[in-house]
N, C-alpha and C. Protein backbone atom coordinates (compact mmCIF):
# COMPACT_ATOMS: atom_id res chain seq x y z
N MET A 1 17.49 -10.99 36.00
CA MET A 1 17.72 -10.14 37.18
C MET A 1 17.42 -8.68 36.85
N ASP A 2 17.86 -8.25 35.63
CA ASP A 2 17.62 -6.85 35.24
C ASP A 2 16.13 -6.55 35.19
N ILE A 3 15.37 -7.50 34.67
CA ILE A 3 13.91 -7.30 34.58
C ILE A 3 13.31 -7.20 35.98
N LEU A 4 13.78 -8.02 36.92
CA LEU A 4 13.28 -8.02 38.30
C LEU A 4 13.58 -6.69 38.98
N VAL A 5 14.77 -6.17 38.76
CA VAL A 5 15.16 -4.89 39.36
C VAL A 5 14.30 -3.77 38.80
N VAL A 6 14.13 -3.78 37.47
CA VAL A 6 13.32 -2.74 36.85
C VAL A 6 11.87 -2.79 37.33
N SER A 7 11.32 -4.01 37.46
CA SER A 7 9.92 -4.15 37.92
C SER A 7 9.77 -3.66 39.35
N ASN A 8 10.74 -3.95 40.21
CA ASN A 8 10.68 -3.50 41.61
C ASN A 8 10.74 -1.97 41.69
N ILE A 9 11.63 -1.39 40.88
CA ILE A 9 11.73 0.07 40.87
C ILE A 9 10.42 0.69 40.39
N THR A 10 9.84 0.08 39.35
CA THR A 10 8.56 0.58 38.81
C THR A 10 7.45 0.51 39.85
N LEU A 11 7.41 -0.60 40.59
CA LEU A 11 6.39 -0.79 41.63
C LEU A 11 6.55 0.25 42.73
N TRP A 12 7.79 0.52 43.13
CA TRP A 12 8.02 1.52 44.17
C TRP A 12 7.60 2.91 43.70
N ILE A 13 7.87 3.22 42.44
CA ILE A 13 7.45 4.50 41.89
C ILE A 13 5.93 4.64 41.93
N ILE A 14 5.22 3.54 41.56
CA ILE A 14 3.76 3.53 41.58
C ILE A 14 3.24 3.73 43.00
N VAL A 15 3.89 3.03 43.96
CA VAL A 15 3.46 3.15 45.36
C VAL A 15 3.63 4.59 45.85
N VAL A 16 4.77 5.21 45.54
CA VAL A 16 5.03 6.58 45.96
C VAL A 16 4.02 7.54 45.33
N LEU A 17 3.72 7.34 44.05
CA LEU A 17 2.75 8.19 43.37
C LEU A 17 1.35 8.05 43.98
N GLN A 18 0.98 6.80 44.32
CA GLN A 18 -0.32 6.57 44.95
C GLN A 18 -0.40 7.27 46.31
N ALA A 19 0.70 7.21 47.05
CA ALA A 19 0.73 7.86 48.36
C ALA A 19 0.54 9.37 48.21
N VAL A 20 1.19 9.95 47.21
CA VAL A 20 1.06 11.40 46.97
C VAL A 20 -0.39 11.75 46.59
N VAL A 21 -0.99 10.93 45.71
CA VAL A 21 -2.36 11.17 45.29
C VAL A 21 -3.33 11.05 46.46
N ILE A 22 -3.16 10.02 47.30
CA ILE A 22 -4.04 9.83 48.46
C ILE A 22 -3.92 11.00 49.43
N TYR A 23 -2.69 11.48 49.64
CA TYR A 23 -2.47 12.63 50.53
C TYR A 23 -3.18 13.87 49.98
N ALA A 24 -3.05 14.07 48.68
CA ALA A 24 -3.69 15.23 48.06
C ALA A 24 -5.21 15.15 48.17
N LEU A 25 -5.77 13.95 47.95
CA LEU A 25 -7.21 13.77 48.06
C LEU A 25 -7.69 14.00 49.49
N THR A 26 -6.91 13.54 50.46
CA THR A 26 -7.27 13.73 51.87
C THR A 26 -7.35 15.21 52.22
N ARG A 27 -6.38 15.96 51.76
CA ARG A 27 -6.39 17.41 51.99
C ARG A 27 -7.60 18.06 51.32
N GLN A 28 -7.93 17.61 50.12
CA GLN A 28 -9.05 18.19 49.40
C GLN A 28 -10.37 17.89 50.08
N ILE A 29 -10.50 16.67 50.63
CA ILE A 29 -11.72 16.31 51.37
C ILE A 29 -11.87 17.20 52.59
N GLY A 30 -10.76 17.47 53.28
CA GLY A 30 -10.80 18.36 54.44
C GLY A 30 -11.27 19.75 54.07
N VAL A 31 -10.80 20.26 52.93
CA VAL A 31 -11.22 21.59 52.45
C VAL A 31 -12.71 21.60 52.15
N LEU A 32 -13.20 20.52 51.52
CA LEU A 32 -14.63 20.44 51.18
C LEU A 32 -15.49 20.44 52.43
N PHE A 33 -15.06 19.71 53.47
CA PHE A 33 -15.82 19.67 54.72
C PHE A 33 -15.89 21.06 55.35
N GLU A 34 -14.82 21.83 55.22
CA GLU A 34 -14.82 23.18 55.79
C GLU A 34 -15.79 24.09 55.05
N ARG A 35 -15.96 23.83 53.74
CA ARG A 35 -16.81 24.69 52.93
C ARG A 35 -18.28 24.32 53.00
N ILE A 36 -18.57 23.07 53.39
CA ILE A 36 -19.97 22.62 53.45
C ILE A 36 -20.68 23.26 54.63
N ALA A 37 -21.81 23.88 54.37
CA ALA A 37 -22.58 24.52 55.45
C ALA A 37 -23.19 23.48 56.36
N PRO A 38 -23.30 23.78 57.66
CA PRO A 38 -23.91 22.82 58.58
C PRO A 38 -25.37 22.58 58.23
N ALA A 39 -25.81 21.35 58.34
CA ALA A 39 -27.20 21.00 58.03
C ALA A 39 -28.05 21.19 59.27
N GLY A 40 -28.96 22.14 59.21
CA GLY A 40 -29.82 22.39 60.35
C GLY A 40 -31.14 21.66 60.22
N ALA A 41 -31.88 21.62 61.32
CA ALA A 41 -33.19 20.99 61.31
C ALA A 41 -34.14 21.78 60.42
N LEU A 42 -34.92 21.07 59.61
CA LEU A 42 -35.85 21.71 58.69
C LEU A 42 -37.10 22.14 59.45
N ALA A 43 -37.30 23.45 59.53
CA ALA A 43 -38.40 24.00 60.34
C ALA A 43 -39.67 24.14 59.52
N ILE A 44 -40.38 23.02 59.35
CA ILE A 44 -41.67 23.04 58.64
C ILE A 44 -42.78 23.10 59.68
N ASN A 45 -43.52 24.21 59.69
CA ASN A 45 -44.59 24.35 60.67
C ASN A 45 -45.55 25.44 60.21
N GLN A 46 -46.83 25.10 60.11
CA GLN A 46 -47.84 26.05 59.66
C GLN A 46 -48.61 26.65 60.83
N THR A 47 -48.23 26.26 62.05
CA THR A 47 -48.94 26.74 63.23
C THR A 47 -48.11 27.73 64.04
N LEU A 48 -46.83 27.43 64.20
CA LEU A 48 -45.94 28.24 65.03
C LEU A 48 -44.93 29.01 64.20
N GLU A 49 -44.44 30.10 64.78
CA GLU A 49 -43.33 30.85 64.21
C GLU A 49 -42.28 31.04 65.29
N VAL A 50 -41.01 30.99 64.88
CA VAL A 50 -39.94 31.23 65.84
C VAL A 50 -40.07 32.65 66.38
N GLY A 51 -39.99 32.77 67.70
CA GLY A 51 -40.14 34.07 68.35
C GLY A 51 -41.52 34.29 68.93
N SER A 52 -42.51 33.52 68.47
CA SER A 52 -43.87 33.67 68.97
C SER A 52 -44.03 32.90 70.28
N PRO A 53 -45.01 33.27 71.11
CA PRO A 53 -45.24 32.53 72.35
C PRO A 53 -45.63 31.08 72.07
N ALA A 54 -45.02 30.17 72.79
CA ALA A 54 -45.37 28.76 72.64
C ALA A 54 -46.71 28.49 73.32
N PRO A 55 -47.55 27.63 72.78
CA PRO A 55 -48.81 27.29 73.44
C PRO A 55 -48.56 26.84 74.88
N ASP A 56 -49.26 27.44 75.80
CA ASP A 56 -49.09 27.18 77.23
C ASP A 56 -50.12 26.15 77.67
N LEU A 57 -49.68 24.94 77.96
CA LEU A 57 -50.58 23.85 78.31
C LEU A 57 -50.07 23.13 79.56
N THR A 58 -51.00 22.61 80.33
CA THR A 58 -50.65 21.74 81.46
C THR A 58 -51.33 20.41 81.22
N LEU A 59 -50.52 19.36 81.07
CA LEU A 59 -51.04 18.06 80.66
C LEU A 59 -50.51 16.96 81.55
N GLN A 60 -51.26 15.86 81.58
CA GLN A 60 -50.88 14.70 82.38
C GLN A 60 -49.82 13.88 81.64
N SER A 61 -48.74 13.54 82.34
CA SER A 61 -47.73 12.66 81.76
C SER A 61 -47.97 11.23 82.22
N LEU A 62 -47.24 10.31 81.65
CA LEU A 62 -47.46 8.89 82.00
C LEU A 62 -47.12 8.58 83.44
N SER A 63 -46.03 9.17 83.93
CA SER A 63 -45.62 8.80 85.29
C SER A 63 -45.09 9.96 86.12
N ASN A 64 -45.08 11.17 85.58
CA ASN A 64 -44.53 12.31 86.29
C ASN A 64 -45.58 13.33 86.71
N GLY A 65 -46.85 12.93 86.75
CA GLY A 65 -47.91 13.85 87.14
C GLY A 65 -48.16 14.90 86.07
N LEU A 66 -48.68 16.05 86.49
CA LEU A 66 -48.97 17.13 85.56
C LEU A 66 -47.68 17.82 85.13
N VAL A 67 -47.61 18.14 83.85
CA VAL A 67 -46.43 18.80 83.30
C VAL A 67 -46.86 20.06 82.56
N SER A 68 -46.21 21.17 82.88
CA SER A 68 -46.49 22.43 82.20
C SER A 68 -45.59 22.58 80.99
N VAL A 69 -46.19 22.81 79.84
CA VAL A 69 -45.44 23.01 78.60
C VAL A 69 -45.67 24.44 78.13
N GLY A 70 -44.59 25.16 77.84
CA GLY A 70 -44.71 26.56 77.45
C GLY A 70 -44.83 27.43 78.68
N GLY A 71 -45.03 28.71 78.45
CA GLY A 71 -45.13 29.64 79.57
C GLY A 71 -43.75 30.04 80.07
N LYS A 72 -43.69 31.13 80.82
CA LYS A 72 -42.44 31.62 81.35
C LYS A 72 -41.90 30.68 82.42
N SER A 73 -40.60 30.39 82.33
CA SER A 73 -39.98 29.46 83.26
C SER A 73 -39.77 30.10 84.63
N SER A 74 -39.99 29.32 85.67
CA SER A 74 -39.79 29.82 87.03
C SER A 74 -38.34 29.67 87.48
N ASP A 75 -37.57 28.82 86.79
CA ASP A 75 -36.17 28.60 87.17
C ASP A 75 -35.19 28.99 86.06
N ASN A 76 -35.67 29.81 85.11
CA ASN A 76 -34.82 30.34 84.03
C ASN A 76 -34.23 29.26 83.13
N THR A 77 -34.97 28.18 82.95
CA THR A 77 -34.52 27.12 82.06
C THR A 77 -35.44 27.02 80.84
N SER A 78 -34.93 26.38 79.80
CA SER A 78 -35.71 26.18 78.58
C SER A 78 -36.31 24.78 78.57
N GLN A 79 -37.19 24.53 77.62
CA GLN A 79 -37.79 23.21 77.45
C GLN A 79 -37.54 22.71 76.03
N LEU A 80 -37.13 21.45 75.92
CA LEU A 80 -37.01 20.81 74.61
C LEU A 80 -38.16 19.82 74.49
N LEU A 81 -39.15 20.18 73.69
CA LEU A 81 -40.32 19.33 73.48
C LEU A 81 -40.04 18.45 72.27
N PHE A 82 -39.90 17.16 72.49
CA PHE A 82 -39.49 16.24 71.43
C PHE A 82 -40.61 15.24 71.17
N PHE A 83 -41.13 15.26 69.93
CA PHE A 83 -42.25 14.40 69.56
C PHE A 83 -41.74 13.11 68.93
N VAL A 84 -42.16 11.99 69.50
CA VAL A 84 -41.70 10.68 69.06
C VAL A 84 -42.90 9.75 68.86
N SER A 85 -42.61 8.52 68.42
CA SER A 85 -43.64 7.49 68.29
C SER A 85 -43.00 6.12 68.40
N PRO A 86 -43.66 5.17 69.06
CA PRO A 86 -43.13 3.80 69.13
C PRO A 86 -43.02 3.14 67.76
N ASP A 87 -43.75 3.66 66.77
CA ASP A 87 -43.74 3.09 65.42
C ASP A 87 -42.77 3.81 64.48
N CYS A 88 -41.99 4.72 65.02
CA CYS A 88 -41.07 5.53 64.20
C CYS A 88 -39.64 5.01 64.35
N PRO A 89 -39.08 4.34 63.31
CA PRO A 89 -37.71 3.79 63.42
C PRO A 89 -36.66 4.87 63.65
N VAL A 90 -36.82 6.02 63.02
CA VAL A 90 -35.85 7.10 63.19
C VAL A 90 -35.88 7.61 64.64
N CYS A 91 -37.08 7.70 65.19
CA CYS A 91 -37.22 8.13 66.59
C CYS A 91 -36.43 7.20 67.51
N LYS A 92 -36.57 5.91 67.29
CA LYS A 92 -35.88 4.93 68.13
C LYS A 92 -34.36 5.05 68.00
N SER A 93 -33.89 5.27 66.78
CA SER A 93 -32.44 5.37 66.57
C SER A 93 -31.87 6.62 67.21
N LEU A 94 -32.71 7.65 67.40
CA LEU A 94 -32.23 8.91 67.98
C LEU A 94 -32.30 8.95 69.50
N LEU A 95 -32.96 7.99 70.11
CA LEU A 95 -33.14 8.03 71.56
C LEU A 95 -31.83 8.09 72.34
N PRO A 96 -30.80 7.29 72.00
CA PRO A 96 -29.53 7.42 72.72
C PRO A 96 -28.92 8.81 72.59
N VAL A 97 -29.00 9.38 71.39
CA VAL A 97 -28.50 10.73 71.14
C VAL A 97 -29.28 11.75 71.97
N LEU A 98 -30.59 11.57 72.00
CA LEU A 98 -31.46 12.49 72.73
C LEU A 98 -31.16 12.46 74.23
N LYS A 99 -31.02 11.25 74.78
CA LYS A 99 -30.72 11.12 76.20
C LYS A 99 -29.36 11.70 76.54
N SER A 100 -28.40 11.49 75.66
CA SER A 100 -27.06 12.03 75.87
C SER A 100 -27.08 13.55 75.85
N ALA A 101 -27.80 14.13 74.89
CA ALA A 101 -27.89 15.59 74.78
C ALA A 101 -28.61 16.18 75.99
N ALA A 102 -29.67 15.51 76.43
CA ALA A 102 -30.42 16.00 77.59
C ALA A 102 -29.55 16.02 78.84
N LYS A 103 -28.69 15.03 78.98
CA LYS A 103 -27.78 14.96 80.12
C LYS A 103 -26.71 16.05 80.03
N ALA A 104 -26.17 16.23 78.81
CA ALA A 104 -25.09 17.21 78.62
C ALA A 104 -25.60 18.64 78.79
N GLU A 105 -26.86 18.90 78.44
CA GLU A 105 -27.41 20.26 78.47
C GLU A 105 -28.37 20.47 79.64
N ALA A 106 -28.31 19.59 80.63
CA ALA A 106 -29.27 19.60 81.74
C ALA A 106 -29.25 20.90 82.55
N SER A 107 -28.16 21.65 82.49
CA SER A 107 -28.07 22.87 83.29
C SER A 107 -29.00 23.98 82.80
N TRP A 108 -29.44 23.89 81.53
CA TRP A 108 -30.27 24.98 81.01
C TRP A 108 -31.52 24.52 80.26
N VAL A 109 -31.66 23.23 79.98
CA VAL A 109 -32.83 22.78 79.22
C VAL A 109 -33.40 21.49 79.82
N ASN A 110 -34.72 21.39 79.83
CA ASN A 110 -35.40 20.20 80.32
C ASN A 110 -36.09 19.49 79.15
N LEU A 111 -35.84 18.20 79.03
CA LEU A 111 -36.42 17.41 77.95
C LEU A 111 -37.81 16.92 78.32
N ILE A 112 -38.76 17.11 77.41
CA ILE A 112 -40.11 16.57 77.55
C ILE A 112 -40.43 15.78 76.29
N LEU A 113 -40.79 14.52 76.44
CA LEU A 113 -41.16 13.67 75.32
C LEU A 113 -42.67 13.72 75.12
N ALA A 114 -43.10 13.66 73.87
CA ALA A 114 -44.52 13.79 73.60
C ALA A 114 -44.92 12.90 72.42
N SER A 115 -46.18 12.47 72.45
CA SER A 115 -46.73 11.65 71.37
C SER A 115 -48.24 11.59 71.54
N ASP A 116 -48.89 10.74 70.74
CA ASP A 116 -50.32 10.49 70.94
C ASP A 116 -50.59 9.01 70.64
N GLY A 117 -51.82 8.58 70.88
CA GLY A 117 -52.15 7.18 70.65
C GLY A 117 -52.49 6.44 71.94
N ASN A 118 -52.29 5.13 71.90
CA ASN A 118 -52.63 4.26 73.03
C ASN A 118 -51.59 4.39 74.14
N LYS A 119 -52.03 4.75 75.33
CA LYS A 119 -51.11 4.96 76.45
C LYS A 119 -50.36 3.69 76.84
N GLN A 120 -50.99 2.53 76.70
CA GLN A 120 -50.33 1.27 77.05
C GLN A 120 -49.13 1.01 76.13
N ASP A 121 -49.28 1.33 74.85
CA ASP A 121 -48.17 1.17 73.91
C ASP A 121 -47.00 2.07 74.31
N HIS A 122 -47.32 3.27 74.73
CA HIS A 122 -46.27 4.22 75.11
C HIS A 122 -45.61 3.82 76.42
N ALA A 123 -46.39 3.25 77.32
CA ALA A 123 -45.81 2.79 78.59
C ALA A 123 -44.77 1.71 78.34
N GLY A 124 -45.08 0.80 77.42
CA GLY A 124 -44.11 -0.24 77.05
C GLY A 124 -42.89 0.35 76.35
N PHE A 125 -43.12 1.36 75.54
CA PHE A 125 -42.04 2.05 74.83
C PHE A 125 -41.09 2.71 75.82
N VAL A 126 -41.64 3.38 76.81
CA VAL A 126 -40.85 4.05 77.84
C VAL A 126 -40.00 3.04 78.60
N LYS A 127 -40.59 1.92 78.97
CA LYS A 127 -39.88 0.90 79.72
C LYS A 127 -38.78 0.25 78.88
N GLN A 128 -39.08 -0.06 77.63
CA GLN A 128 -38.12 -0.74 76.76
C GLN A 128 -36.89 0.10 76.48
N TYR A 129 -37.09 1.41 76.33
CA TYR A 129 -35.96 2.28 75.95
C TYR A 129 -35.45 3.16 77.10
N GLY A 130 -35.88 2.87 78.31
CA GLY A 130 -35.34 3.56 79.47
C GLY A 130 -35.59 5.06 79.47
N LEU A 131 -36.85 5.45 79.28
CA LEU A 131 -37.18 6.87 79.18
C LEU A 131 -37.90 7.41 80.42
N SER A 132 -37.90 6.65 81.48
CA SER A 132 -38.67 7.02 82.67
C SER A 132 -38.12 8.25 83.39
N ASP A 133 -36.90 8.66 83.07
CA ASP A 133 -36.33 9.85 83.71
C ASP A 133 -36.90 11.15 83.15
N PHE A 134 -37.65 11.05 82.06
CA PHE A 134 -38.16 12.25 81.40
C PHE A 134 -39.68 12.24 81.38
N PRO A 135 -40.31 13.40 81.54
CA PRO A 135 -41.77 13.47 81.41
C PRO A 135 -42.18 13.00 80.01
N TYR A 136 -43.20 12.18 79.94
CA TYR A 136 -43.67 11.63 78.67
C TYR A 136 -45.17 11.89 78.58
N ILE A 137 -45.56 12.78 77.67
CA ILE A 137 -46.96 13.19 77.54
C ILE A 137 -47.59 12.53 76.31
N VAL A 138 -48.72 11.89 76.52
CA VAL A 138 -49.48 11.31 75.41
C VAL A 138 -50.72 12.17 75.23
N SER A 139 -50.71 13.01 74.19
CA SER A 139 -51.80 13.97 74.01
C SER A 139 -51.90 14.40 72.55
N GLU A 140 -53.06 14.18 71.95
CA GLU A 140 -53.30 14.64 70.59
C GLU A 140 -53.36 16.17 70.54
N LEU A 141 -53.89 16.77 71.59
CA LEU A 141 -54.00 18.22 71.67
C LEU A 141 -52.63 18.88 71.60
N LEU A 142 -51.65 18.29 72.27
CA LEU A 142 -50.31 18.87 72.29
C LEU A 142 -49.71 18.91 70.88
N GLY A 143 -49.82 17.81 70.16
CA GLY A 143 -49.29 17.76 68.81
C GLY A 143 -49.96 18.77 67.88
N LYS A 144 -51.28 18.88 68.00
CA LYS A 144 -52.02 19.83 67.15
C LYS A 144 -51.68 21.27 67.51
N SER A 145 -51.54 21.54 68.80
CA SER A 145 -51.23 22.90 69.25
C SER A 145 -49.87 23.36 68.75
N TYR A 146 -48.95 22.40 68.61
CA TYR A 146 -47.59 22.73 68.16
C TYR A 146 -47.37 22.45 66.68
N GLY A 147 -48.44 22.15 65.96
CA GLY A 147 -48.36 22.01 64.51
C GLY A 147 -47.45 20.91 64.02
N VAL A 148 -47.42 19.80 64.74
CA VAL A 148 -46.52 18.70 64.38
C VAL A 148 -47.18 17.82 63.31
N ALA A 149 -46.51 17.70 62.16
CA ALA A 149 -47.04 16.90 61.06
C ALA A 149 -46.16 15.71 60.73
N LYS A 150 -44.87 15.80 61.05
CA LYS A 150 -43.92 14.71 60.76
C LYS A 150 -43.05 14.44 61.97
N LEU A 151 -42.61 13.20 62.09
CA LEU A 151 -41.76 12.80 63.21
C LEU A 151 -40.42 12.29 62.70
N PRO A 152 -39.40 12.37 63.56
CA PRO A 152 -39.35 13.06 64.86
C PRO A 152 -39.24 14.57 64.70
N TYR A 153 -39.92 15.28 65.60
CA TYR A 153 -39.98 16.74 65.52
C TYR A 153 -39.69 17.32 66.90
N ALA A 154 -38.99 18.45 66.93
CA ALA A 154 -38.65 19.05 68.22
C ALA A 154 -38.94 20.54 68.21
N VAL A 155 -39.34 21.05 69.35
CA VAL A 155 -39.55 22.49 69.54
C VAL A 155 -38.78 22.90 70.78
N LEU A 156 -37.89 23.88 70.63
CA LEU A 156 -37.14 24.40 71.76
C LEU A 156 -37.82 25.68 72.24
N ILE A 157 -38.28 25.66 73.50
CA ILE A 157 -38.99 26.79 74.10
C ILE A 157 -38.05 27.48 75.08
N ASN A 158 -37.82 28.76 74.90
CA ASN A 158 -36.86 29.43 75.78
C ASN A 158 -37.48 29.77 77.14
N GLU A 159 -36.65 30.35 78.01
CA GLU A 159 -37.07 30.61 79.38
C GLU A 159 -38.20 31.62 79.48
N LYS A 160 -38.42 32.40 78.41
CA LYS A 160 -39.51 33.38 78.40
C LYS A 160 -40.83 32.78 77.90
N GLY A 161 -40.77 31.52 77.47
CA GLY A 161 -41.98 30.87 76.97
C GLY A 161 -42.21 31.07 75.49
N ASN A 162 -41.18 31.52 74.77
CA ASN A 162 -41.29 31.72 73.33
C ASN A 162 -40.60 30.59 72.56
N VAL A 163 -41.04 30.36 71.34
CA VAL A 163 -40.42 29.34 70.50
C VAL A 163 -39.05 29.85 70.06
N ALA A 164 -37.99 29.18 70.49
CA ALA A 164 -36.63 29.61 70.16
C ALA A 164 -36.17 29.01 68.83
N SER A 165 -36.55 27.76 68.58
CA SER A 165 -36.20 27.07 67.33
C SER A 165 -37.04 25.81 67.25
N MET A 166 -37.11 25.22 66.07
CA MET A 166 -37.90 23.99 65.90
C MET A 166 -37.55 23.36 64.56
N GLY A 167 -37.93 22.10 64.41
CA GLY A 167 -37.69 21.45 63.14
C GLY A 167 -37.73 19.93 63.22
N ILE A 168 -37.68 19.31 62.03
CA ILE A 168 -37.61 17.85 61.94
C ILE A 168 -36.19 17.42 62.32
N ILE A 169 -36.09 16.41 63.16
CA ILE A 169 -34.79 15.97 63.68
C ILE A 169 -34.49 14.57 63.16
N ASN A 170 -33.44 14.45 62.37
CA ASN A 170 -33.02 13.14 61.86
C ASN A 170 -31.62 12.75 62.30
N SER A 171 -30.94 13.63 63.03
CA SER A 171 -29.56 13.35 63.44
C SER A 171 -29.18 14.21 64.63
N ARG A 172 -28.03 13.90 65.24
CA ARG A 172 -27.51 14.73 66.34
C ARG A 172 -27.20 16.13 65.84
N GLU A 173 -26.76 16.23 64.60
CA GLU A 173 -26.46 17.53 64.00
C GLU A 173 -27.70 18.40 63.95
N HIS A 174 -28.84 17.82 63.59
CA HIS A 174 -30.09 18.57 63.54
C HIS A 174 -30.48 19.05 64.94
N LEU A 175 -30.31 18.17 65.93
CA LEU A 175 -30.64 18.54 67.31
C LEU A 175 -29.75 19.68 67.79
N ASP A 176 -28.46 19.57 67.52
CA ASP A 176 -27.52 20.62 67.92
C ASP A 176 -27.84 21.94 67.24
N SER A 177 -28.39 21.87 66.02
CA SER A 177 -28.71 23.09 65.29
C SER A 177 -29.81 23.89 66.00
N LEU A 178 -30.70 23.22 66.72
CA LEU A 178 -31.73 23.93 67.49
C LEU A 178 -31.08 24.74 68.62
N PHE A 179 -30.13 24.10 69.30
CA PHE A 179 -29.42 24.79 70.38
C PHE A 179 -28.61 25.97 69.83
N GLU A 180 -27.97 25.74 68.68
CA GLU A 180 -27.16 26.78 68.06
C GLU A 180 -28.03 27.95 67.61
N ALA A 181 -29.20 27.65 67.07
CA ALA A 181 -30.11 28.72 66.63
C ALA A 181 -30.56 29.58 67.81
N LYS A 182 -30.84 28.94 68.93
CA LYS A 182 -31.24 29.69 70.13
C LYS A 182 -30.09 30.57 70.60
N GLU A 183 -28.90 30.01 70.62
CA GLU A 183 -27.74 30.77 71.10
C GLU A 183 -27.46 31.99 70.23
N ARG A 184 -27.64 31.83 68.91
CA ARG A 184 -27.39 32.93 67.99
C ARG A 184 -28.61 33.85 67.82
N ASN A 185 -29.73 33.46 68.45
CA ASN A 185 -30.97 34.23 68.35
C ASN A 185 -31.42 34.38 66.91
N ILE A 186 -31.44 33.25 66.19
CA ILE A 186 -31.90 33.22 64.80
C ILE A 186 -32.99 32.16 64.68
N ALA A 187 -33.74 32.23 63.59
CA ALA A 187 -34.85 31.29 63.40
C ALA A 187 -34.34 29.88 63.11
N SER A 188 -33.27 29.80 62.29
CA SER A 188 -32.72 28.50 61.92
C SER A 188 -31.32 28.66 61.39
N ILE A 189 -30.56 27.57 61.37
CA ILE A 189 -29.21 27.61 60.82
C ILE A 189 -29.26 27.92 59.32
N GLN A 190 -30.27 27.40 58.63
CA GLN A 190 -30.41 27.68 57.20
C GLN A 190 -30.52 29.18 56.95
N GLU A 191 -31.35 29.84 57.77
CA GLU A 191 -31.53 31.29 57.62
C GLU A 191 -30.22 32.02 57.86
N TYR A 192 -29.47 31.57 58.86
CA TYR A 192 -28.19 32.20 59.18
C TYR A 192 -27.20 32.05 58.02
N MET A 193 -27.13 30.83 57.44
CA MET A 193 -26.20 30.59 56.34
C MET A 193 -26.61 31.36 55.10
N GLN A 194 -27.91 31.47 54.84
CA GLN A 194 -28.39 32.23 53.69
C GLN A 194 -28.05 33.72 53.86
N GLY A 195 -28.18 34.21 55.09
CA GLY A 195 -27.82 35.60 55.36
C GLY A 195 -26.35 35.86 55.13
N ASN A 196 -25.51 34.93 55.59
CA ASN A 196 -24.06 35.07 55.39
C ASN A 196 -23.70 35.02 53.92
N SER A 197 -24.37 34.12 53.17
CA SER A 197 -24.09 33.99 51.74
C SER A 197 -24.45 35.28 51.01
N ALA A 198 -25.58 35.87 51.41
CA ALA A 198 -26.01 37.11 50.78
C ALA A 198 -25.02 38.23 51.06
N GLN A 199 -24.52 38.30 52.30
CA GLN A 199 -23.54 39.33 52.65
C GLN A 199 -22.25 39.14 51.87
N GLU A 200 -21.81 37.87 51.74
CA GLU A 200 -20.59 37.59 50.99
C GLU A 200 -20.75 37.97 49.52
N SER A 201 -21.95 37.76 48.98
CA SER A 201 -22.20 38.12 47.59
C SER A 201 -22.11 39.64 47.39
N LEU A 202 -22.68 40.37 48.36
CA LEU A 202 -22.63 41.83 48.27
C LEU A 202 -21.21 42.34 48.38
N VAL A 203 -20.42 41.75 49.26
CA VAL A 203 -19.02 42.13 49.40
C VAL A 203 -18.26 41.84 48.13
N GLY A 204 -18.56 40.67 47.51
CA GLY A 204 -17.90 40.29 46.27
C GLY A 204 -18.21 41.24 45.14
N GLU A 205 -19.46 41.72 45.09
CA GLU A 205 -19.87 42.65 44.04
C GLU A 205 -19.17 44.00 44.18
N LYS A 206 -18.94 44.39 45.43
CA LYS A 206 -18.26 45.66 45.66
C LYS A 206 -16.78 45.58 45.26
């Protein structure tokens, strides 16, 4: 009986210690998340620069007639030009996120989907993934004009017709970073974080 009592007490002590350790680790993970900088979309582009005028084009969409891309907005809204492909698995996984974001931000931004290749393939892609609510442009010229080399890629064009932000999009966080960059009037979240780090370093040196 004495051995049983001692073993039970020992087990309870171990359980209490484990609970304390788990609680401490949970708090530490929370601190780490606060310190980690937000991951923004990687703005790789040899054709465009943030702040420069976006190429002004009028192109035929699959089912929405002619669509104007770039240029000054007549209704004070922005355009989110999102380049996708039916052969891109990441593009497909992001479509629900993209549609959700377009709906949530509909008051100030209009989503335009873009790609190139066989129009019949894209028509099937639009039907399969329920993309008929958005203009869908199939044009090699559009991709070249906007310097798109990797997919999925997005360019946010502000109401003045200038490139507000852009980058490779692999997650909802990357997409949100484009909106955040426009709101803060910066080229990218990375640039903003680097600027803050530099300022903090200077303050630390003083």
